[in-house]
Amino acid sequence: MATNQPQNLSEWQLHLVLKNANLLQYYDRFIRQGECDVIKLCNSEDEKFKDIMEKVGMAREPVLVRHFRNTLLEWMKDPGKNDNVPSYIKKAEDSPRCPPARRLKTYAESDIYSGVQQIIKQRSEKKNIVKDELSDAFIKLLSSRFIYSEQKQHALFPYYDVLLNTTVLDKLVLDHLISRCILIIVDREEIIKPTTQRQRNKVLLDMITERPFGTFHVFKDVLKQSDPHNSNVRDIVRRMQGTDSRDEYISCHDIIFQDHLVKLQKNYIMFVQDVDCKTDIADYLYEKGVLNSEEKEEICNHSLTRQDSNRMLQNKLFRKGEDAYKHLIEALRHGQYDELASDVERTQVSEHEIQFCQIGNYGKF
């Protein structure tokens, strides 16, 4: 058991987390190594976290490491975690033993606003383009949501490791997330780049946990829907049912994002599953000049599955403007997919869906 008693806020927080995890025997080791800042520990990268576990002698017990990290994440989510600090505890900044606990970043809205503007300017200059479609109101929206995301831990974090290692997120789950406008079509490019399943899962999870709006409940529903017979998935979803997460929505009327792109998004899963674009559709789009010969060859590659060819076509059309969308509707009818063409045209687009897609598209400058 611990022999030293907490002398400041950082040490008291560490003591509390270890006590909650039934791991108080490691408390003195954390103190001796100067690793008493649990907020910094929680936000550390995997390699850094592993190094600390080695230093305190916990690394040889992987089960304890996972349990400690999960307990740490649960403590971080608790809004009342510092409500019962003993009166004798000194404030962290007055303590000589440990550096002050690093608090989650908070910024003045004006600072964030100017920061977002600077990012936009830098990315626009880099690609030699001007992004007129980003309204002043939209920049303010991003600013306010970045403040929110810096102050709150995502509800998916307690399940991050198990999702990383036991699921396949870059196929049906990704298709459904695109159709729900949580991710956008061109996000797929970045997600499928890594060579291992774990790395691809990580890219997707990082994307949805960094979105400045709630994604937990949609992800949970999509995960359940995508692989209902997988026992690992069923177990994760069952555990998620008990997690309280208030997915917040955003409101801003002055946002420009073309409706036809949202219609492509919302019908993405249906297009991927029900169409064979390698036949009449690709030919028609080539004849109309929507696809060039190289793009058509890529899409019609015999090594691709029908679904992967459909995904590739959608990705290319997403960048080509509204005329390409109109030609796609014509191509669907030419290929005798009249019902799907009508469904796409009749798709209703909500303000929230436009906003979600615009925020996703912001990162693609």
Protein backbone atom coordinates (compact mmCIF):
# COMPACT_ATOMS: atom_id res chain seq x y z
CA MET A 1 0.00 0.00 0.00
CA ALA A 2 0.98 3.64 -0.38
CA THR A 3 3.17 5.05 2.39
CA ASN A 4 3.25 8.69 1.22
CA GLN A 5 0.11 10.78 1.61
CA PRO A 6 -0.94 13.23 -1.13
CA GLN A 7 0.51 16.71 -0.64
CA ASN A 8 -1.08 18.55 -3.55
CA LEU A 9 -3.93 18.32 -6.04
CA SER A 10 -1.99 16.27 -8.61
CA GLU A 11 -0.98 13.67 -6.04
CA TRP A 12 -4.49 13.53 -4.62
CA GLN A 13 -5.93 12.94 -8.11
CA LEU A 14 -3.41 10.17 -8.75
CA HIS A 15 -4.18 8.60 -5.37
CA LEU A 16 -7.91 8.67 -6.12
CA VAL A 17 -7.56 7.06 -9.56
CA LEU A 18 -5.30 4.30 -8.22
CA LYS A 19 -7.67 3.73 -5.31
CA ASN A 20 -10.63 3.41 -7.70
CA ALA A 21 -8.63 0.87 -9.69
CA ASN A 22 -7.49 -1.04 -6.55
CA LEU A 23 -3.89 -0.32 -7.53
CA LEU A 24 -2.69 1.82 -4.60
CA GLN A 25 0.41 -0.36 -4.30
CA TYR A 26 1.80 1.57 -7.29
CA TYR A 27 1.22 5.03 -5.81
CA ASP A 28 4.71 5.47 -4.30
CA ARG A 29 6.33 4.35 -7.55
CA PHE A 30 4.44 7.01 -9.54
CA ILE A 31 5.56 9.63 -7.01
CA ARG A 32 9.21 8.54 -7.11
CA GLN A 33 9.20 8.70 -10.90
CA GLY A 34 7.59 12.17 -10.88
CA GLU A 35 4.57 10.89 -12.83
CA CYS A 36 1.74 12.27 -10.71
CA ASP A 37 -0.02 14.37 -13.36
CA VAL A 38 -2.96 12.12 -14.26
CA ILE A 39 -4.41 14.57 -16.78
CA LYS A 40 -1.12 14.63 -18.69
CA LEU A 41 -0.96 10.84 -18.37
CA CYS A 42 -4.48 10.45 -19.77
CA ASN A 43 -3.66 12.62 -22.78
CA SER A 44 -0.30 10.98 -23.49
CA GLU A 45 0.43 9.07 -26.69
CA ASP A 46 0.53 5.26 -26.59
CA GLU A 47 4.35 5.08 -26.58
CA LYS A 48 4.66 7.63 -23.78
CA PHE A 49 2.01 5.85 -21.73
CA LYS A 50 3.83 2.54 -22.24
CA ASP A 51 7.12 4.11 -21.08
CA ILE A 52 5.48 5.34 -17.87
CA MET A 53 4.02 1.90 -17.20
CA GLU A 54 7.52 0.48 -17.58
CA LYS A 55 8.95 3.03 -15.15
CA VAL A 56 6.42 2.22 -12.42
CA GLY A 57 6.67 -1.55 -12.96
CA MET A 58 3.11 -2.12 -14.17
CA ALA A 59 3.97 -3.01 -17.78
CA ARG A 60 4.58 -6.65 -16.91
CA GLU A 61 0.87 -6.96 -16.02
CA PRO A 62 -1.05 -6.01 -19.22
CA VAL A 63 -4.42 -6.69 -17.58
CA LEU A 64 -3.63 -4.16 -14.84
CA VAL A 65 -2.43 -1.62 -17.42
CA ARG A 66 -5.71 -1.86 -19.34
CA HIS A 67 -7.72 -1.67 -16.12
CA PHE A 68 -5.76 1.38 -14.95
CA ARG A 69 -6.18 3.17 -18.27
CA ASN A 70 -9.93 2.49 -18.37
CA THR A 71 -10.29 3.74 -14.80
CA LEU A 72 -8.29 6.83 -15.71
CA LEU A 73 -10.57 7.55 -18.69
CA GLU A 74 -13.69 7.08 -16.57
CA TRP A 75 -12.30 9.49 -13.96
CA MET A 76 -11.55 12.07 -16.65
CA LYS A 77 -15.18 11.94 -17.82
CA ASP A 78 -16.53 12.61 -14.31
CA PRO A 79 -17.53 16.31 -14.07
CA GLY A 80 -17.40 16.12 -10.26
CA LYS A 81 -13.99 14.50 -10.00
CA ASN A 82 -12.53 17.38 -7.95
CA ASP A 83 -15.59 18.06 -5.80
CA ASN A 84 -14.25 16.31 -2.68
CA VAL A 85 -10.68 17.56 -2.52
CA PRO A 86 -9.59 17.56 1.18
CA SER A 87 -9.11 20.98 2.71
CA TYR A 88 -5.46 20.28 3.60
CA ILE A 89 -4.48 19.67 -0.03
CA LYS A 90 -2.36 22.46 -1.42
CA LYS A 91 -3.08 23.75 -4.90
CA ALA A 92 -0.92 22.09 -7.50
CA GLU A 93 0.95 25.26 -8.41
CA ASP A 94 2.18 25.64 -4.82
CA SER A 95 3.67 22.14 -4.65
CA PRO A 96 7.45 21.62 -4.88
CA ARG A 97 7.19 17.87 -5.42
CA CYS A 98 5.26 17.67 -8.70
CA PRO A 99 4.82 19.99 -11.65
CA PRO A 100 1.36 21.53 -11.84
CA ALA A 101 -1.31 19.31 -13.32
CA ARG A 102 -1.87 20.28 -16.93
CA ARG A 103 -5.49 21.21 -17.32
CA LEU A 104 -7.52 20.71 -20.46
CA LYS A 105 -6.99 23.65 -22.78
CA THR A 106 -9.40 26.54 -22.67
CA TYR A 107 -9.22 29.53 -24.90
CA ALA A 108 -10.97 32.81 -25.38
CA GLU A 109 -13.36 32.53 -28.30
CA SER A 110 -11.58 35.38 -30.07
CA ASP A 111 -8.29 33.43 -29.90
CA ILE A 112 -9.88 30.31 -31.39
CA TYR A 113 -11.65 32.39 -34.04
CA SER A 114 -8.40 33.98 -35.19
CA GLY A 115 -6.67 30.60 -35.01
CA VAL A 116 -9.22 28.95 -37.29
CA GLN A 117 -8.91 31.84 -39.73
CA GLN A 118 -5.12 31.37 -39.75
CA ILE A 119 -5.42 27.64 -40.45
CA ILE A 120 -7.77 28.35 -43.34
CA LYS A 121 -5.38 30.97 -44.73
CA GLN A 122 -2.38 28.66 -44.48
CA ARG A 123 -4.15 25.73 -46.14
CA SER A 124 -5.56 27.94 -48.87
CA GLU A 125 -2.14 29.45 -49.64
CA LYS A 126 -0.55 26.00 -49.67
CA LYS A 127 -2.89 24.80 -52.41
CA ASN A 128 -3.05 28.21 -54.12
CA ILE A 129 -6.85 28.41 -53.77
CA VAL A 130 -9.35 30.73 -52.17
CA LYS A 131 -12.08 29.24 -49.98
CA ASP A 132 -14.89 31.74 -50.39
CA GLU A 133 -17.51 29.18 -49.39
CA LEU A 134 -16.40 29.32 -45.76
CA SER A 135 -18.60 32.01 -44.29
CA ASP A 136 -17.70 34.10 -41.27
CA ALA A 137 -20.53 32.42 -39.38
CA PHE A 138 -19.13 28.99 -40.19
CA ILE A 139 -15.67 29.93 -38.90
CA LYS A 140 -17.30 31.08 -35.66
CA LEU A 141 -19.17 27.78 -35.51
CA LEU A 142 -15.93 25.82 -35.80
CA SER A 143 -14.34 28.03 -33.17
CA SER A 144 -17.07 27.38 -30.62
CA ARG A 145 -17.08 23.62 -31.30
CA PHE A 146 -13.28 23.42 -30.94
CA ILE A 147 -13.61 24.99 -27.50
CA TYR A 148 -16.24 22.38 -26.63
CA SER A 149 -14.17 19.46 -27.93
CA GLU A 150 -11.08 20.58 -25.97
CA GLN A 151 -13.04 20.61 -22.73
CA LYS A 152 -14.81 17.25 -22.96
CA GLN A 153 -13.59 13.69 -23.33
CA HIS A 154 -15.37 11.65 -25.99
CA ALA A 155 -17.69 8.89 -24.74
CA LEU A 156 -15.97 6.38 -27.06
CA PHE A 157 -12.63 6.62 -25.24
CA PRO A 158 -13.35 3.81 -22.72
CA TYR A 159 -13.97 1.46 -25.68
CA TYR A 160 -11.12 2.75 -27.85
CA ASP A 161 -8.69 -0.14 -27.34
CA VAL A 162 -11.21 -2.92 -27.79
CA LEU A 163 -12.62 -1.26 -30.93
CA LEU A 164 -9.08 -0.85 -32.22
CA ASN A 165 -8.20 -4.52 -31.81
CA THR A 166 -11.39 -6.55 -32.31
CA THR A 167 -13.45 -4.86 -35.03
CA VAL A 168 -13.41 -4.11 -38.77
CA LEU A 169 -14.41 -0.46 -39.14
CA ASP A 170 -13.28 0.41 -42.69
CA LYS A 171 -15.97 -1.49 -44.61
CA LEU A 172 -19.67 -1.52 -43.65
CA VAL A 173 -19.20 0.65 -40.56
CA LEU A 174 -17.51 3.31 -42.68
CA ASP A 175 -20.18 3.02 -45.39
CA HIS A 176 -22.92 3.64 -42.82
CA LEU A 177 -21.06 6.53 -41.16
CA ILE A 178 -20.78 8.19 -44.57
CA SER A 179 -24.49 7.65 -45.23
CA ARG A 180 -25.25 9.23 -41.85
CA CYS A 181 -23.04 12.26 -42.74
CA ILE A 182 -20.74 11.67 -39.74
CA LEU A 183 -17.85 11.17 -42.17
CA ILE A 184 -17.68 12.35 -45.75
CA ILE A 185 -17.00 10.31 -48.87
CA VAL A 186 -13.41 11.48 -49.36
CA ASP A 187 -12.50 10.53 -45.76
CA ARG A 188 -12.29 6.96 -47.05
CA GLU A 189 -9.04 7.76 -48.87
CA GLU A 190 -7.23 8.53 -45.63
CA ILE A 191 -8.84 5.70 -43.67
CA ILE A 192 -7.87 2.90 -46.07
CA LYS A 193 -4.25 4.02 -46.56
CA PRO A 194 -2.70 2.08 -43.63
CA THR A 195 -1.71 -1.53 -44.27
CA THR A 196 -3.09 -3.11 -41.08
CA GLN A 197 -6.65 -3.35 -39.82
CA ARG A 198 -5.69 -1.88 -36.47
CA GLN A 199 -4.16 1.20 -38.10
CA ARG A 200 -7.20 1.70 -40.33
CA ASN A 201 -9.48 1.41 -37.31
CA LYS A 202 -7.36 4.00 -35.51
CA VAL A 203 -7.65 6.55 -38.31
CA LEU A 204 -11.44 6.17 -38.37
CA LEU A 205 -11.83 6.34 -34.58
CA ASP A 206 -9.60 9.41 -34.38
CA MET A 207 -11.70 11.12 -37.04
CA ILE A 208 -15.03 10.59 -35.34
CA THR A 209 -13.76 11.41 -31.84
CA GLU A 210 -12.31 14.67 -33.14
CA ARG A 211 -15.53 15.80 -34.80
CA PRO A 212 -16.82 18.93 -33.00
CA PHE A 213 -20.29 17.41 -32.59
CA GLY A 214 -21.68 14.31 -30.89
CA THR A 215 -20.96 11.01 -32.68
CA PHE A 216 -21.27 8.39 -29.92
CA HIS A 217 -24.87 7.26 -30.38
CA VAL A 218 -24.69 7.20 -34.18
CA PHE A 219 -21.48 5.15 -34.03
CA LYS A 220 -23.05 2.72 -31.56
CA ASP A 221 -26.10 2.22 -33.81
CA VAL A 222 -23.95 1.83 -36.91
CA LEU A 223 -21.65 -0.70 -35.22
CA LYS A 224 -24.64 -2.80 -34.16
CA GLN A 225 -26.21 -2.60 -37.61
CA SER A 226 -23.06 -3.47 -39.52
CA ASP A 227 -22.24 -6.84 -37.91
CA PRO A 228 -25.12 -8.00 -35.67
CA HIS A 229 -23.94 -11.64 -35.52
CA ASN A 230 -20.40 -10.90 -34.34
CA SER A 231 -20.11 -11.77 -30.63
CA ASN A 232 -17.35 -9.19 -30.04
CA VAL A 233 -19.47 -6.46 -31.59
CA ARG A 234 -22.54 -7.50 -29.59
CA ASP A 235 -20.53 -7.36 -26.37
CA ILE A 236 -19.13 -3.89 -27.14
CA VAL A 237 -22.58 -2.55 -28.06
CA ARG A 238 -24.07 -4.04 -24.88
CA ARG A 239 -21.45 -2.23 -22.77
CA MET A 240 -22.05 0.98 -24.70
CA GLN A 241 -25.74 0.91 -23.84
CA GLY A 242 -24.88 1.92 -20.29
CA THR A 243 -22.74 4.91 -21.31
CA ASP A 244 -24.32 8.30 -20.86
CA SER A 245 -23.48 10.63 -23.72
CA ARG A 246 -25.33 13.72 -24.78
CA ASP A 247 -24.63 14.11 -28.46
CA GLU A 248 -24.85 17.85 -28.97
CA TYR A 249 -26.11 19.39 -32.18
CA ILE A 250 -25.06 22.60 -33.79
CA SER A 251 -27.04 25.46 -35.20
CA CYS A 252 -25.83 27.86 -37.84
CA HIS A 253 -27.87 28.96 -40.84
CA ASP A 254 -25.14 30.70 -42.83
CA ILE A 255 -23.35 27.58 -44.08
CA ILE A 256 -22.84 26.69 -47.73
CA PHE A 257 -22.62 23.04 -48.74
CA GLN A 258 -24.25 21.88 -51.93
CA ASP A 259 -27.33 19.72 -51.48
CA HIS A 260 -26.34 17.24 -54.18
CA LEU A 261 -23.24 16.22 -52.16
CA VAL A 262 -25.39 15.48 -49.12
CA LYS A 263 -27.73 13.43 -51.32
CA LEU A 264 -24.73 11.40 -52.51
CA GLN A 265 -23.71 10.90 -48.88
CA LYS A 266 -27.14 9.82 -47.64
CA ASN A 267 -27.55 7.27 -50.45
CA TYR A 268 -23.96 6.06 -50.25
CA ILE A 269 -24.64 2.69 -48.60
CA MET A 270 -27.47 1.91 -51.02
CA PHE A 271 -25.30 2.82 -54.02
CA VAL A 272 -22.37 0.73 -52.76
CA GLN A 273 -24.49 -2.35 -52.07
CA ASP A 274 -27.03 -2.32 -54.91
CA VAL A 275 -25.22 -1.01 -58.02
CA ASP A 276 -22.69 -2.50 -60.43
CA CYS A 277 -20.94 0.54 -61.87
CA LYS A 278 -18.43 -1.48 -63.90
CA THR A 279 -20.93 -1.98 -66.69
CA ASP A 280 -23.24 0.62 -68.24
CA ILE A 281 -22.74 3.31 -65.58
CA ALA A 282 -18.96 3.72 -66.00
CA ASP A 283 -19.35 3.61 -69.81
CA TYR A 284 -22.06 6.28 -69.77
CA LEU A 285 -20.06 8.61 -67.49
CA TYR A 286 -17.01 8.16 -69.73
CA GLU A 287 -19.02 9.01 -72.84
CA LYS A 288 -20.33 12.18 -71.14
CA GLY A 289 -16.83 13.28 -70.18
CA VAL A 290 -17.38 12.89 -66.43
CA LEU A 291 -14.67 10.22 -66.22
CA ASN A 292 -11.47 10.16 -68.22
CA SER A 293 -9.96 6.94 -69.55
CA GLU A 294 -7.59 6.53 -66.60
CA GLU A 295 -10.40 6.97 -64.05
CA LYS A 296 -12.63 4.50 -65.88
CA GLU A 297 -9.80 1.96 -65.98
CA GLU A 298 -9.27 2.35 -62.22
CA ILE A 299 -12.95 1.87 -61.45
CA CYS A 300 -13.36 -1.14 -63.76
CA ASN A 301 -10.23 -2.92 -62.49
CA HIS A 302 -11.03 -6.64 -62.30
CA SER A 303 -9.17 -6.99 -58.99
CA LEU A 304 -11.73 -4.73 -57.26
CA THR A 305 -14.93 -6.07 -55.80
CA ARG A 306 -18.18 -4.61 -57.08
CA GLN A 307 -18.59 -2.68 -53.82
CA ASP A 308 -15.04 -1.27 -53.94
CA SER A 309 -15.56 -0.11 -57.53
CA ASN A 310 -18.74 1.66 -56.44
CA ARG A 311 -16.89 3.30 -53.56
CA MET A 312 -14.14 4.51 -55.88
CA LEU A 313 -16.66 5.99 -58.32
CA GLN A 314 -18.43 7.86 -55.51
CA ASN A 315 -15.13 9.25 -54.31
CA LYS A 316 -14.31 10.61 -57.75
CA LEU A 317 -17.79 12.08 -58.32
CA PHE A 318 -17.68 13.85 -54.95
CA ARG A 319 -14.97 16.18 -56.30
CA LYS A 320 -16.50 16.88 -59.73
CA GLY A 321 -19.37 19.29 -59.09
CA GLU A 322 -23.11 19.31 -59.64
CA ASP A 323 -22.98 18.49 -63.37
CA ALA A 324 -21.31 15.16 -62.55
CA TYR A 325 -24.13 14.45 -60.08
CA LYS A 326 -26.74 15.11 -62.78
CA HIS A 327 -24.93 12.79 -65.17
CA LEU A 328 -24.84 10.12 -62.46
CA ILE A 329 -28.64 10.26 -62.17
CA GLU A 330 -28.86 9.85 -65.93
CA ALA A 331 -26.34 6.99 -65.82
CA LEU A 332 -28.38 5.18 -63.16
CA ARG A 333 -31.45 5.37 -65.35
CA HIS A 334 -29.41 4.29 -68.38
CA GLY A 335 -28.26 1.27 -66.36
CA GLN A 336 -31.87 0.49 -65.36
CA TYR A 337 -31.52 1.63 -61.75
CA ASP A 338 -34.55 3.89 -62.10
CA GLU A 339 -35.80 3.38 -58.55
CA LEU A 340 -32.44 4.29 -57.02
CA ALA A 341 -32.16 7.36 -59.27
CA SER A 342 -35.59 8.53 -58.13
CA ASP A 343 -34.74 7.86 -54.46
CA VAL A 344 -31.57 9.97 -54.74
CA GLU A 345 -33.44 12.85 -56.39
CA ARG A 346 -36.20 12.79 -53.75
CA THR A 347 -33.78 12.64 -50.80
CA GLN A 348 -34.55 15.30 -48.21
CA VAL A 349 -31.56 17.21 -46.85
CA SER A 350 -31.67 18.70 -43.34
CA GLU A 351 -29.74 21.65 -41.93
CA HIS A 352 -27.82 19.39 -39.53
CA GLU A 353 -26.75 17.05 -42.33
CA ILE A 354 -25.45 20.00 -44.36
CA GLN A 355 -23.55 21.26 -41.31
CA PHE A 356 -22.03 17.87 -40.51
CA CYS A 357 -20.80 17.48 -44.09
CA GLN A 358 -19.42 21.03 -44.17
CA ILE A 359 -17.46 20.43 -40.97
CA GLY A 360 -16.10 17.17 -42.40
CA ASN A 361 -15.19 18.91 -45.64
CA TYR A 362 -13.39 21.69 -43.72
CA GLY A 363 -10.52 19.29 -42.99
CA LYS A 364 -9.98 18.53 -46.69
CA PHE A 365 -8.44 21.86 -47.69
